[in-house]
């Protein structure tokens, strides 16, 4: 029965009530057996036979029976008194162990309601707009010849004005319905395939600085080399404010890797550069705190939402707008999350 004590200690981590009962019964029974053995002139250490499941217990029962086993009616009564409690204790221990095991099974089962209430989880590493991020290897088939424009011409981006009218007229659910739902292509991404922060208009300010100038809440002074001073920026993701633009990132609203997985893997380099420097649609790029941008990484709305809950509606709407603008697809989990959070708006 010493084995039962060991088992009870293990189950103490699982169910304290069952463990205390098992441990108490095991200690009491062990003390009784030691007393019987010593009274009969046998060494007390024979009690350790209880560490051998079943076989050891039978041997101990036989030893105790032998000590009290005179061939008289009185002797048989003593034997019965020794054996019956022993067997009954084994039955009780077995029931307690089964009960504790079932309790563990119930505790390890998570209800669907609890899983749903856990909210989105950020599963992707933080890579978007993080300098020095190691890129994934590009398979050879991804570096094959560019798509033939005659056989598979790239679709032009949707014009901003048209898209804005469509959002107002159709509503969010219908907007989400316009997304193509398909599994993502998760191999072959390389950040260098998206040339970004270029100076398309040649005015000396690259895309990053153009966004910072446009989104400052106070007038910005543009100096030599497009140095910026006098501005102030507010991060829509978390409400952080700064007057130092170097502490803010310019985030691709749909991260570059997400774009690759959702269709940009089939684009030519020119189209990828246009996506990465899209200044024609205000939702494509946004200045936010570096910490919130690192937290977002390459996640979609099924995996991450901004800490600023009041921005969630605008976030999912803009996400869909950008994907439709560039005709990017969405996976099933992403669409489910968009509908879930959009329904609260």
C-alpha atoms as a PDB file:
ATOM      1  CA  UNK A   1       0.000   0.000   0.000  1.00  0.00           C
ATOM      2  CA  UNK A   2       3.014   2.292   0.008  1.00  0.00           C
ATOM      3  CA  UNK A   3       2.495   2.431  -3.763  1.00  0.00           C
ATOM      4  CA  UNK A   4      -0.910   3.967  -3.111  1.00  0.00           C
ATOM      5  CA  UNK A   5       0.761   6.700  -1.087  1.00  0.00           C
ATOM      6  CA  UNK A   6       3.074   7.503  -4.004  1.00  0.00           C
ATOM      7  CA  UNK A   7       0.118   7.559  -6.387  1.00  0.00           C
ATOM      8  CA  UNK A   8      -1.769   9.862  -4.050  1.00  0.00           C
ATOM      9  CA  UNK A   9       1.118  12.326  -3.989  1.00  0.00           C
ATOM     10  CA  UNK A  10       1.054  12.437  -7.793  1.00  0.00           C
ATOM     11  CA  UNK A  11      -2.658  13.082  -7.898  1.00  0.00           C
ATOM     12  CA  UNK A  12      -2.317  15.817  -5.287  1.00  0.00           C
ATOM     13  CA  UNK A  13      -1.216  18.083  -8.150  1.00  0.00           C
ATOM     14  CA  UNK A  14      -4.428  17.250  -9.989  1.00  0.00           C
ATOM     15  CA  UNK A  15      -7.177  16.969  -7.428  1.00  0.00           C
ATOM     16  CA  UNK A  16      -6.324  17.893  -3.827  1.00  0.00           C
ATOM     17  CA  UNK A  17      -9.453  16.363  -2.265  1.00  0.00           C
ATOM     18  CA  UNK A  18      -8.984  12.925  -3.865  1.00  0.00           C
ATOM     19  CA  UNK A  19      -5.267  12.955  -3.075  1.00  0.00           C
ATOM     20  CA  UNK A  20      -5.756  13.718   0.628  1.00  0.00           C
ATOM     21  CA  UNK A  21      -8.291  10.909   0.988  1.00  0.00           C
ATOM     22  CA  UNK A  22      -6.083   8.376  -0.809  1.00  0.00           C
ATOM     23  CA  UNK A  23      -2.997   9.434   1.135  1.00  0.00           C
ATOM     24  CA  UNK A  24      -4.771   9.240   4.477  1.00  0.00           C
ATOM     25  CA  UNK A  25      -6.177   5.771   3.823  1.00  0.00           C
ATOM     26  CA  UNK A  26      -2.791   4.541   2.532  1.00  0.00           C
ATOM     27  CA  UNK A  27      -0.907   5.791   5.616  1.00  0.00           C
ATOM     28  CA  UNK A  28      -3.429   4.272   8.025  1.00  0.00           C
ATOM     29  CA  UNK A  29      -3.370   0.913   6.262  1.00  0.00           C
ATOM     30  CA  UNK A  30       0.445   0.917   6.064  1.00  0.00           C
ATOM     31  CA  UNK A  31       0.670   1.555   9.834  1.00  0.00           C
ATOM     32  CA  UNK A  32      -1.773  -1.299  10.507  1.00  0.00           C
ATOM     33  CA  UNK A  33       0.221  -3.746   8.366  1.00  0.00           C
ATOM     34  CA  UNK A  34       3.541  -2.756  10.012  1.00  0.00           C
ATOM     35  CA  UNK A  35       1.977  -3.353  13.419  1.00  0.00           C
ATOM     36  CA  UNK A  36       0.714  -6.808  12.367  1.00  0.00           C
ATOM     37  CA  UNK A  37       4.093  -7.795  10.954  1.00  0.00           C
ATOM     38  CA  UNK A  38       6.007  -6.719  14.045  1.00  0.00           C
ATOM     39  CA  UNK A  39       3.522  -8.411  16.376  1.00  0.00           C
ATOM     40  CA  UNK A  40       4.072 -11.645  14.471  1.00  0.00           C
ATOM     41  CA  UNK A  41       7.852 -11.420  14.695  1.00  0.00           C
ATOM     42  CA  UNK A  42       8.357 -10.524  11.015  1.00  0.00           C
ATOM     43  CA  UNK A  43      10.540  -7.623   9.819  1.00  0.00           C
ATOM     44  CA  UNK A  44       8.585  -4.393   9.334  1.00  0.00           C
ATOM     45  CA  UNK A  45      10.251  -3.638   6.012  1.00  0.00           C
ATOM     46  CA  UNK A  46       8.123  -6.316   4.363  1.00  0.00           C
ATOM     47  CA  UNK A  47       5.551  -3.528   4.083  1.00  0.00           C
ATOM     48  CA  UNK A  48       7.504  -2.292   1.040  1.00  0.00           C
ATOM     49  CA  UNK A  49       6.043  -5.239  -0.854  1.00  0.00           C
ATOM     50  CA  UNK A  50       3.134  -2.840  -1.252  1.00  0.00           C
ATOM     51  CA  UNK A  51       5.207  -1.018  -3.867  1.00  0.00           C
ATOM     52  CA  UNK A  52       4.649  -3.996  -6.184  1.00  0.00           C
ATOM     53  CA  UNK A  53       1.166  -3.532  -7.699  1.00  0.00           C
ATOM     54  CA  UNK A  54      -1.294  -6.430  -7.231  1.00  0.00           C
ATOM     55  CA  UNK A  55       1.348  -9.159  -6.597  1.00  0.00           C
ATOM     56  CA  UNK A  56       2.889  -7.349  -3.642  1.00  0.00           C
ATOM     57  CA  UNK A  57      -0.539  -6.628  -2.177  1.00  0.00           C
ATOM     58  CA  UNK A  58      -1.532 -10.326  -2.417  1.00  0.00           C
ATOM     59  CA  UNK A  59       1.689 -11.354  -0.657  1.00  0.00           C
ATOM     60  CA  UNK A  60       1.111  -8.843   2.122  1.00  0.00           C
ATOM     61  CA  UNK A  61      -2.468 -10.065   2.540  1.00  0.00           C
ATOM     62  CA  UNK A  62      -1.198 -13.653   2.786  1.00  0.00           C
ATOM     63  CA  UNK A  63       1.422 -12.709   5.389  1.00  0.00           C
ATOM     64  CA  UNK A  64      -1.141 -10.920   7.543  1.00  0.00           C
ATOM     65  CA  UNK A  65      -3.540 -13.838   7.155  1.00  0.00           C
ATOM     66  CA  UNK A  66      -0.807 -16.251   8.189  1.00  0.00           C
ATOM     67  CA  UNK A  67      -0.125 -14.329  11.377  1.00  0.00           C
ATOM     68  CA  UNK A  68      -3.769 -14.455  12.445  1.00  0.00           C
ATOM     69  CA  UNK A  69      -4.629 -17.732  10.777  1.00  0.00           C
ATOM     70  CA  UNK A  70      -5.021 -20.266  13.643  1.00  0.00           C
ATOM     71  CA  UNK A  71      -7.334 -23.059  12.510  1.00  0.00           C
ATOM     72  CA  UNK A  72     -10.086 -22.137  14.891  1.00  0.00           C
ATOM     73  CA  UNK A  73     -13.282 -20.243  14.433  1.00  0.00           C
ATOM     74  CA  UNK A  74     -11.781 -17.373  16.378  1.00  0.00           C
ATOM     75  CA  UNK A  75      -8.730 -17.465  14.100  1.00  0.00           C
ATOM     76  CA  UNK A  76     -10.846 -17.401  10.958  1.00  0.00           C
ATOM     77  CA  UNK A  77     -12.737 -14.413  12.300  1.00  0.00           C
ATOM     78  CA  UNK A  78      -9.437 -12.616  12.859  1.00  0.00           C
ATOM     79  CA  UNK A  79      -8.343 -13.440   9.329  1.00  0.00           C
ATOM     80  CA  UNK A  80     -11.583 -12.084   7.940  1.00  0.00           C
ATOM     81  CA  UNK A  81     -11.154  -8.914   9.959  1.00  0.00           C
ATOM     82  CA  UNK A  82      -7.665  -8.478   8.485  1.00  0.00           C
ATOM     83  CA  UNK A  83      -8.470  -9.319   4.845  1.00  0.00           C
ATOM     84  CA  UNK A  84     -11.884  -7.697   4.340  1.00  0.00           C
ATOM     85  CA  UNK A  85     -10.756  -4.143   5.237  1.00  0.00           C
ATOM     86  CA  UNK A  86      -7.674  -4.677   3.046  1.00  0.00           C
ATOM     87  CA  UNK A  87      -9.759  -5.615  -0.019  1.00  0.00           C
ATOM     88  CA  UNK A  88     -12.289  -2.876   0.684  1.00  0.00           C
ATOM     89  CA  UNK A  89      -9.485  -0.331   0.844  1.00  0.00           C
ATOM     90  CA  UNK A  90      -8.153  -1.497  -2.533  1.00  0.00           C
ATOM     91  CA  UNK A  91     -11.609  -1.006  -4.057  1.00  0.00           C
ATOM     92  CA  UNK A  92     -11.928   2.492  -2.569  1.00  0.00           C
ATOM     93  CA  UNK A  93      -8.482   3.446  -3.852  1.00  0.00           C
ATOM     94  CA  UNK A  94      -9.313   2.213  -7.349  1.00  0.00           C
ATOM     95  CA  UNK A  95     -12.545   4.229  -7.413  1.00  0.00           C
ATOM     96  CA  UNK A  96     -10.772   7.355  -6.223  1.00  0.00           C
ATOM     97  CA  UNK A  97      -8.045   7.018  -8.865  1.00  0.00           C
ATOM     98  CA  UNK A  98     -10.642   6.552 -11.642  1.00  0.00           C
ATOM     99  CA  UNK A  99     -12.611   9.547 -10.369  1.00  0.00           C
ATOM    100  CA  UNK A 100      -9.512  11.750 -10.258  1.00  0.00           C
ATOM    101  CA  UNK A 101      -8.544  10.685 -13.792  1.00  0.00           C
ATOM    102  CA  UNK A 102     -11.991  11.624 -15.100  1.00  0.00           C
ATOM    103  CA  UNK A 103     -11.698  14.991 -13.346  1.00  0.00           C
ATOM    104  CA  UNK A 104      -8.412  15.646 -15.134  1.00  0.00           C
ATOM    105  CA  UNK A 105     -10.035  14.861 -18.461  1.00  0.00           C
ATOM    106  CA  UNK A 106     -12.764  17.401 -17.761  1.00  0.00           C
ATOM    107  CA  UNK A 107     -10.243  20.100 -16.769  1.00  0.00           C
ATOM    108  CA  UNK A 108      -8.171  19.580 -19.919  1.00  0.00           C
ATOM    109  CA  UNK A 109     -11.175  20.048 -22.194  1.00  0.00           C
ATOM    110  CA  UNK A 110     -11.719  23.608 -23.423  1.00  0.00           C
ATOM    111  CA  UNK A 111     -15.246  24.517 -24.387  1.00  0.00           C
ATOM    112  CA  UNK A 112     -15.859  26.192 -27.762  1.00  0.00           C
ATOM    113  CA  UNK A 113     -17.188  29.267 -25.921  1.00  0.00           C
ATOM    114  CA  UNK A 114     -13.945  29.592 -23.943  1.00  0.00           C
ATOM    115  CA  UNK A 115     -11.863  29.165 -27.097  1.00  0.00           C
ATOM    116  CA  UNK A 116     -13.853  31.840 -28.895  1.00  0.00           C
ATOM    117  CA  UNK A 117     -13.519  34.274 -25.986  1.00  0.00           C
ATOM    118  CA  UNK A 118      -9.734  33.922 -26.118  1.00  0.00           C
ATOM    119  CA  UNK A 119      -9.691  36.328 -29.062  1.00  0.00           C
ATOM    120  CA  UNK A 120      -7.222  36.564 -31.931  1.00  0.00           C
ATOM    121  CA  UNK A 121      -3.735  35.333 -31.434  1.00  0.00           C
ATOM    122  CA  UNK A 122      -0.673  36.726 -33.010  1.00  0.00           C
ATOM    123  CA  UNK A 123       1.027  33.698 -34.584  1.00  0.00           C
ATOM    124  CA  UNK A 124       3.463  35.364 -36.956  1.00  0.00           C
ATOM    125  CA  UNK A 125       6.890  36.730 -35.980  1.00  0.00           C
ATOM    126  CA  UNK A 126       7.182  40.529 -35.991  1.00  0.00           C
ATOM    127  CA  UNK A 127       8.841  41.223 -39.304  1.00  0.00           C
ATOM    128  CA  UNK A 128       6.953  44.027 -41.033  1.00  0.00           C
ATOM    129  CA  UNK A 129       9.090  47.128 -41.408  1.00  0.00           C
ATOM    130  CA  UNK A 130      11.766  45.694 -39.076  1.00  0.00           C
ATOM    131  CA  UNK A 131      15.261  46.453 -40.425  1.00  0.00           C
ATOM    132  CA  UNK A 132      17.565  43.465 -40.690  1.00  0.00           C
ATOM    133  CA  UNK A 133      14.805  40.855 -40.668  1.00  0.00           C
ATOM    134  CA  UNK A 134      16.040  37.591 -42.127  1.00  0.00           C
ATOM    135  CA  UNK A 135      14.140  36.710 -45.283  1.00  0.00           C
ATOM    136  CA  UNK A 136      12.724  33.340 -46.239  1.00  0.00           C
ATOM    137  CA  UNK A 137      14.503  31.500 -49.084  1.00  0.00           C
ATOM    138  CA  UNK A 138      12.964  31.931 -52.501  1.00  0.00           C
ATOM    139  CA  UNK A 139      12.359  28.639 -54.346  1.00  0.00           C
ATOM    140  CA  UNK A 140      13.638  28.460 -57.897  1.00  0.00           C
ATOM    141  CA  UNK A 141      10.145  28.234 -59.372  1.00  0.00           C
ATOM    142  CA  UNK A 142       9.284  31.552 -57.692  1.00  0.00           C
ATOM    143  CA  UNK A 143      12.213  33.176 -59.516  1.00  0.00           C
ATOM    144  CA  UNK A 144      11.108  31.861 -62.868  1.00  0.00           C
ATOM    145  CA  UNK A 145      10.245  34.140 -65.736  1.00  0.00           C
ATOM    146  CA  UNK A 146       7.841  36.966 -65.027  1.00  0.00           C
ATOM    147  CA  UNK A 147       4.188  36.281 -65.975  1.00  0.00           C
ATOM    148  CA  UNK A 148       3.444  36.706 -69.652  1.00  0.00           C
ATOM    149  CA  UNK A 149       1.434  39.974 -69.929  1.00  0.00           C
ATOM    150  CA  UNK A 150      -0.517  38.582 -72.870  1.00  0.00           C
ATOM    151  CA  UNK A 151      -1.479  35.322 -71.135  1.00  0.00           C
ATOM    152  CA  UNK A 152      -1.899  36.652 -67.596  1.00  0.00           C
ATOM    153  CA  UNK A 153      -1.987  40.447 -67.595  1.00  0.00           C
ATOM    154  CA  UNK A 154      -1.840  42.043 -64.133  1.00  0.00           C
ATOM    155  CA  UNK A 155      -5.116  43.651 -63.181  1.00  0.00           C
ATOM    156  CA  UNK A 156      -4.879  47.403 -62.574  1.00  0.00           C
ATOM    157  CA  UNK A 157      -5.514  48.652 -59.040  1.00  0.00           C
ATOM    158  CA  UNK A 158      -9.019  49.815 -58.273  1.00  0.00           C
ATOM    159  CA  UNK A 159      -9.206  53.607 -58.262  1.00  0.00           C
ATOM    160  CA  UNK A 160      -9.531  55.179 -54.818  1.00  0.00           C
ATOM    161  CA  UNK A 161     -12.603  57.212 -55.687  1.00  0.00           C
ATOM    162  CA  UNK A 162     -14.483  54.206 -57.070  1.00  0.00           C
ATOM    163  CA  UNK A 163     -13.573  52.112 -54.041  1.00  0.00           C
ATOM    164  CA  UNK A 164     -14.824  54.725 -51.572  1.00  0.00           C
ATOM    165  CA  UNK A 165     -18.216  54.907 -53.271  1.00  0.00           C
ATOM    166  CA  UNK A 166     -18.442  51.126 -53.320  1.00  0.00           C
ATOM    167  CA  UNK A 167     -17.843  50.893 -49.567  1.00  0.00           C
ATOM    168  CA  UNK A 168     -20.648  53.357 -48.861  1.00  0.00           C
ATOM    169  CA  UNK A 169     -23.122  51.713 -51.200  1.00  0.00           C
ATOM    170  CA  UNK A 170     -22.611  48.045 -50.489  1.00  0.00           C
ATOM    171  CA  UNK A 171     -21.858  47.962 -46.775  1.00  0.00           C
ATOM    172  CA  UNK A 172     -19.126  46.024 -45.032  1.00  0.00           C
ATOM    173  CA  UNK A 173     -20.573  42.503 -45.412  1.00  0.00           C
ATOM    174  CA  UNK A 174     -20.981  42.949 -49.124  1.00  0.00           C
ATOM    175  CA  UNK A 175     -17.517  44.438 -49.303  1.00  0.00           C
ATOM    176  CA  UNK A 176     -16.047  41.336 -47.653  1.00  0.00           C
ATOM    177  CA  UNK A 177     -18.059  39.202 -50.079  1.00  0.00           C
ATOM    178  CA  UNK A 178     -16.003  40.740 -52.876  1.00  0.00           C
ATOM    179  CA  UNK A 179     -12.828  39.073 -51.593  1.00  0.00           C
ATOM    180  CA  UNK A 180     -11.618  35.914 -53.293  1.00  0.00           C
ATOM    181  CA  UNK A 181     -11.322  33.219 -50.603  1.00  0.00           C
ATOM    182  CA  UNK A 182      -8.412  30.850 -51.205  1.00  0.00           C
ATOM    183  CA  UNK A 183      -5.557  29.279 -49.198  1.00  0.00           C
ATOM    184  CA  UNK A 184      -2.409  31.375 -48.918  1.00  0.00           C
ATOM    185  CA  UNK A 185       0.878  30.656 -50.707  1.00  0.00           C
ATOM    186  CA  UNK A 186       3.303  30.687 -47.790  1.00  0.00           C
ATOM    187  CA  UNK A 187       6.601  29.878 -49.523  1.00  0.00           C
ATOM    188  CA  UNK A 188       9.081  32.049 -51.367  1.00  0.00           C
ATOM    189  CA  UNK A 189       8.630  35.431 -49.675  1.00  0.00           C
ATOM    190  CA  UNK A 190      11.581  37.812 -49.738  1.00  0.00           C
ATOM    191  CA  UNK A 191      11.208  41.395 -48.569  1.00  0.00           C
ATOM    192  CA  UNK A 192      13.664  42.547 -51.233  1.00  0.00           C
ATOM    193  CA  UNK A 193      11.152  41.526 -53.912  1.00  0.00           C
ATOM    194  CA  UNK A 194       9.143  44.633 -52.878  1.00  0.00           C
ATOM    195  CA  UNK A 195      11.296  47.691 -53.620  1.00  0.00           C
ATOM    196  CA  UNK A 196      10.014  50.329 -51.233  1.00  0.00           C
ATOM    197  CA  UNK A 197      10.601  53.824 -49.977  1.00  0.00           C
ATOM    198  CA  UNK A 198      11.304  55.051 -53.499  1.00  0.00           C
ATOM    199  CA  UNK A 199      10.941  58.669 -54.643  1.00  0.00           C
ATOM    200  CA  UNK A 200       8.427  58.330 -57.479  1.00  0.00           C
ATOM    201  CA  UNK A 201       7.929  62.057 -58.068  1.00  0.00           C
ATOM    202  CA  UNK A 202      11.608  62.948 -57.724  1.00  0.00           C
ATOM    203  CA  UNK A 203      11.064  65.726 -55.173  1.00  0.00           C
ATOM    204  CA  UNK A 204      13.768  64.430 -52.815  1.00  0.00           C
ATOM    205  CA  UNK A 205      11.302  62.905 -50.295  1.00  0.00           C
ATOM    206  CA  UNK A 206      10.866  59.149 -50.398  1.00  0.00           C
ATOM    207  CA  UNK A 207       7.590  57.341 -49.690  1.00  0.00           C
ATOM    208  CA  UNK A 208       8.216  57.058 -45.945  1.00  0.00           C
ATOM    209  CA  UNK A 209       8.711  60.817 -45.554  1.00  0.00           C
ATOM    210  CA  UNK A 210       5.757  61.586 -47.833  1.00  0.00           C
ATOM    211  CA  UNK A 211       3.512  59.606 -45.460  1.00  0.00           C
ATOM    212  CA  UNK A 212       4.947  61.341 -42.382  1.00  0.00           C
ATOM    213  CA  UNK A 213       4.398  64.761 -43.965  1.00  0.00           C
ATOM    214  CA  UNK A 214       0.812  63.896 -44.913  1.00  0.00           C
ATOM    215  CA  UNK A 215      -0.147  62.416 -41.526  1.00  0.00           C
ATOM    216  CA  UNK A 216       1.379  64.986 -39.164  1.00  0.00           C
ATOM    217  CA  UNK A 217      -1.308  66.655 -37.037  1.00  0.00           C
ATOM    218  CA  UNK A 218       0.685  69.896 -37.024  1.00  0.00           C
ATOM    219  CA  UNK A 219       2.465  71.631 -39.930  1.00  0.00           C
ATOM    220  CA  UNK A 220       5.814  70.072 -40.846  1.00  0.00           C
ATOM    221  CA  UNK A 221       8.896  71.995 -41.924  1.00  0.00           C
ATOM    222  CA  UNK A 222      10.764  70.169 -44.683  1.00  0.00           C
ATOM    223  CA  UNK A 223      14.486  70.931 -44.728  1.00  0.00           C
ATOM    224  CA  UNK A 224      17.432  69.859 -46.842  1.00  0.00           C
ATOM    225  CA  UNK A 225      17.519  66.181 -47.705  1.00  0.00           C
ATOM    226  CA  UNK A 226      13.826  66.064 -46.747  1.00  0.00           C
ATOM    227  CA  UNK A 227      14.597  66.408 -43.043  1.00  0.00           C
ATOM    228  CA  UNK A 228      11.400  66.929 -41.040  1.00  0.00           C
ATOM    229  CA  UNK A 229      10.847  69.210 -38.054  1.00  0.00           C
ATOM    230  CA  UNK A 230       7.934  70.784 -36.216  1.00  0.00           C
ATOM    231  CA  UNK A 231       5.504  67.936 -36.799  1.00  0.00           C
ATOM    232  CA  UNK A 232       3.520  65.767 -34.399  1.00  0.00           C
ATOM    233  CA  UNK A 233       2.199  62.268 -35.052  1.00  0.00           C
ATOM    234  CA  UNK A 234      -0.471  60.132 -33.364  1.00  0.00           C
ATOM    235  CA  UNK A 235      -0.465  56.351 -33.788  1.00  0.00           C
ATOM    236  CA  UNK A 236      -3.984  55.121 -34.595  1.00  0.00           C
ATOM    237  CA  UNK A 237      -3.003  51.609 -33.471  1.00  0.00           C
ATOM    238  CA  UNK A 238      -2.277  52.482 -29.830  1.00  0.00           C
ATOM    239  CA  UNK A 239      -2.727  56.235 -29.354  1.00  0.00           C
ATOM    240  CA  UNK A 240       0.996  56.942 -28.893  1.00  0.00           C
ATOM    241  CA  UNK A 241       2.106  60.499 -29.750  1.00  0.00           C
ATOM    242  CA  UNK A 242       5.505  61.808 -30.807  1.00  0.00           C
ATOM    243  CA  UNK A 243       7.269  64.847 -32.240  1.00  0.00           C
ATOM    244  CA  UNK A 244      10.227  62.686 -33.316  1.00  0.00           C
ATOM    245  CA  UNK A 245       9.382  60.930 -36.604  1.00  0.00           C
ATOM    246  CA  UNK A 246      12.288  58.511 -36.174  1.00  0.00           C
ATOM    247  CA  UNK A 247      10.323  56.764 -33.389  1.00  0.00           C
ATOM    248  CA  UNK A 248       7.434  55.960 -35.746  1.00  0.00           C
ATOM    249  CA  UNK A 249       7.265  53.337 -38.498  1.00  0.00           C
ATOM    250  CA  UNK A 250       5.405  53.678 -41.755  1.00  0.00           C
ATOM    251  CA  UNK A 251       3.396  50.470 -41.852  1.00  0.00           C
ATOM    252  CA  UNK A 252       2.140  48.689 -44.945  1.00  0.00           C
ATOM    253  CA  UNK A 253      -1.481  48.269 -43.838  1.00  0.00           C
ATOM    254  CA  UNK A 254      -1.542  44.874 -45.555  1.00  0.00           C
ATOM    255  CA  UNK A 255       1.975  43.632 -44.699  1.00  0.00           C
ATOM    256  CA  UNK A 256       4.304  42.755 -47.550  1.00  0.00           C
ATOM    257  CA  UNK A 257       4.405  39.066 -46.585  1.00  0.00           C
ATOM    258  CA  UNK A 258       0.616  38.939 -46.311  1.00  0.00           C
ATOM    259  CA  UNK A 259       0.409  40.503 -49.771  1.00  0.00           C
ATOM    260  CA  UNK A 260       2.851  37.901 -51.114  1.00  0.00           C
ATOM    261  CA  UNK A 261       0.839  35.051 -49.595  1.00  0.00           C
ATOM    262  CA  UNK A 262      -2.397  36.519 -50.972  1.00  0.00           C
ATOM    263  CA  UNK A 263      -1.406  36.972 -54.601  1.00  0.00           C
ATOM    264  CA  UNK A 264       1.647  39.222 -54.919  1.00  0.00           C
ATOM    265  CA  UNK A 265       3.809  36.143 -55.517  1.00  0.00           C
ATOM    266  CA  UNK A 266       2.395  36.149 -59.044  1.00  0.00           C
ATOM    267  CA  UNK A 267       3.082  39.859 -59.708  1.00  0.00           C
ATOM    268  CA  UNK A 268       6.005  41.319 -61.573  1.00  0.00           C
ATOM    269  CA  UNK A 269       8.551  43.484 -59.759  1.00  0.00           C
ATOM    270  CA  UNK A 270       7.027  46.725 -61.034  1.00  0.00           C
ATOM    271  CA  UNK A 271       3.622  45.922 -59.581  1.00  0.00           C
ATOM    272  CA  UNK A 272       5.172  44.917 -56.253  1.00  0.00           C
ATOM    273  CA  UNK A 273       7.022  48.241 -56.093  1.00  0.00           C
ATOM    274  CA  UNK A 274       3.807  50.134 -56.797  1.00  0.00           C
ATOM    275  CA  UNK A 275       2.084  48.261 -53.959  1.00  0.00           C
ATOM    276  CA  UNK A 276       4.936  48.918 -51.519  1.00  0.00           C
ATOM    277  CA  UNK A 277       4.901  52.673 -52.299  1.00  0.00           C
ATOM    278  CA  UNK A 278       1.170  53.258 -52.813  1.00  0.00           C
ATOM    279  CA  UNK A 279       0.610  56.950 -52.089  1.00  0.00           C
ATOM    280  CA  UNK A 280      -2.488  57.168 -54.291  1.00  0.00           C
ATOM    281  CA  UNK A 281      -4.710  55.556 -51.666  1.00  0.00           C
ATOM    282  CA  UNK A 282      -4.475  56.923 -48.109  1.00  0.00           C
ATOM    283  CA  UNK A 283      -5.248  53.553 -46.515  1.00  0.00           C
ATOM    284  CA  UNK A 284      -2.319  51.654 -48.011  1.00  0.00           C
ATOM    285  CA  UNK A 285       0.337  53.160 -45.725  1.00  0.00           C
ATOM    286  CA  UNK A 286       0.055  54.540 -42.199  1.00  0.00           C
ATOM    287  CA  UNK A 287       2.469  56.087 -39.677  1.00  0.00           C
ATOM    288  CA  UNK A 288       2.258  54.242 -36.342  1.00  0.00           C
ATOM    289  CA  UNK A 289       4.387  53.692 -33.252  1.00  0.00           C
ATOM    290  CA  UNK A 290       7.289  51.324 -33.804  1.00  0.00           C
ATOM    291  CA  UNK A 291       6.162  49.061 -30.948  1.00  0.00           C
ATOM    292  CA  UNK A 292       2.673  48.526 -32.367  1.00  0.00           C
ATOM    293  CA  UNK A 293       4.089  47.872 -35.827  1.00  0.00           C
ATOM    294  CA  UNK A 294       6.497  45.258 -34.457  1.00  0.00           C
ATOM    295  CA  UNK A 295       3.618  43.664 -32.551  1.00  0.00           C
ATOM    296  CA  UNK A 296       1.544  43.422 -35.727  1.00  0.00           C
ATOM    297  CA  UNK A 297       4.357  41.911 -37.787  1.00  0.00           C
ATOM    298  CA  UNK A 298       2.933  40.037 -40.787  1.00  0.00           C
ATOM    299  CA  UNK A 299      -0.367  39.169 -39.059  1.00  0.00           C
ATOM    300  CA  UNK A 300      -3.826  39.431 -40.568  1.00  0.00           C
ATOM    301  CA  UNK A 301      -6.971  40.385 -38.545  1.00  0.00           C
ATOM    302  CA  UNK A 302      -7.514  36.754 -37.523  1.00  0.00           C
ATOM    303  CA  UNK A 303      -4.196  36.941 -35.656  1.00  0.00           C
ATOM    304  CA  UNK A 304      -3.846  40.562 -34.538  1.00  0.00           C
ATOM    305  CA  UNK A 305      -5.885  43.713 -33.951  1.00  0.00           C
ATOM    306  CA  UNK A 306      -4.620  47.104 -32.736  1.00  0.00           C
ATOM    307  CA  UNK A 307      -4.539  47.650 -28.956  1.00  0.00           C
ATOM    308  CA  UNK A 308      -6.774  50.689 -29.546  1.00  0.00           C
ATOM    309  CA  UNK A 309     -10.210  48.997 -29.572  1.00  0.00           C
ATOM    310  CA  UNK A 310     -11.924  52.124 -30.876  1.00  0.00           C
ATOM    311  CA  UNK A 311      -9.936  51.737 -34.093  1.00  0.00           C
ATOM    312  CA  UNK A 312     -10.990  48.135 -34.790  1.00  0.00           C
ATOM    313  CA  UNK A 313     -13.844  49.044 -37.140  1.00  0.00           C
ATOM    314  CA  UNK A 314     -11.703  51.372 -39.225  1.00  0.00           C
ATOM    315  CA  UNK A 315      -8.923  48.778 -39.191  1.00  0.00           C
ATOM    316  CA  UNK A 316     -10.949  45.923 -40.693  1.00  0.00           C
ATOM    317  CA  UNK A 317     -12.636  48.253 -43.216  1.00  0.00           C
ATOM    318  CA  UNK A 318      -9.304  49.634 -44.423  1.00  0.00           C
ATOM    319  CA  UNK A 319      -7.848  46.108 -44.554  1.00  0.00           C
ATOM    320  CA  UNK A 320     -10.591  44.982 -46.932  1.00  0.00           C
ATOM    321  CA  UNK A 321     -10.316  48.179 -48.994  1.00  0.00           C
ATOM    322  CA  UNK A 322      -6.594  47.657 -49.570  1.00  0.00           C
ATOM    323  CA  UNK A 323      -7.047  43.994 -50.471  1.00  0.00           C
ATOM    324  CA  UNK A 324      -9.792  44.828 -52.961  1.00  0.00           C
ATOM    325  CA  UNK A 325      -7.787  47.707 -54.391  1.00  0.00           C
ATOM    326  CA  UNK A 326      -4.910  45.364 -55.209  1.00  0.00           C
ATOM    327  CA  UNK A 327      -7.110  42.316 -55.890  1.00  0.00           C
ATOM    328  CA  UNK A 328      -5.503  40.261 -53.134  1.00  0.00           C
ATOM    329  CA  UNK A 329      -7.223  37.135 -51.831  1.00  0.00           C
ATOM    330  CA  UNK A 330      -8.074  36.164 -48.236  1.00  0.00           C
ATOM    331  CA  UNK A 331      -8.059  32.807 -46.470  1.00  0.00           C
ATOM    332  CA  UNK A 332     -11.094  31.370 -44.677  1.00  0.00           C
ATOM    333  CA  UNK A 333      -9.916  32.254 -41.143  1.00  0.00           C
ATOM    334  CA  UNK A 334      -9.204  35.817 -42.213  1.00  0.00           C
ATOM    335  CA  UNK A 335     -12.665  36.265 -43.750  1.00  0.00           C
ATOM    336  CA  UNK A 336     -14.324  34.803 -40.639  1.00  0.00           C
ATOM    337  CA  UNK A 337     -12.446  37.279 -38.439  1.00  0.00           C
ATOM    338  CA  UNK A 338     -13.340  40.212 -40.704  1.00  0.00           C
ATOM    339  CA  UNK A 339     -17.042  39.344 -40.538  1.00  0.00           C
ATOM    340  CA  UNK A 340     -16.873  38.816 -36.776  1.00  0.00           C
ATOM    341  CA  UNK A 341     -15.254  42.144 -35.981  1.00  0.00           C
ATOM    342  CA  UNK A 342     -17.104  44.008 -38.727  1.00  0.00           C
ATOM    343  CA  UNK A 343     -20.425  42.926 -37.214  1.00  0.00           C
ATOM    344  CA  UNK A 344     -19.636  44.995 -34.115  1.00  0.00           C
ATOM    345  CA  UNK A 345     -19.316  48.218 -36.055  1.00  0.00           C
END
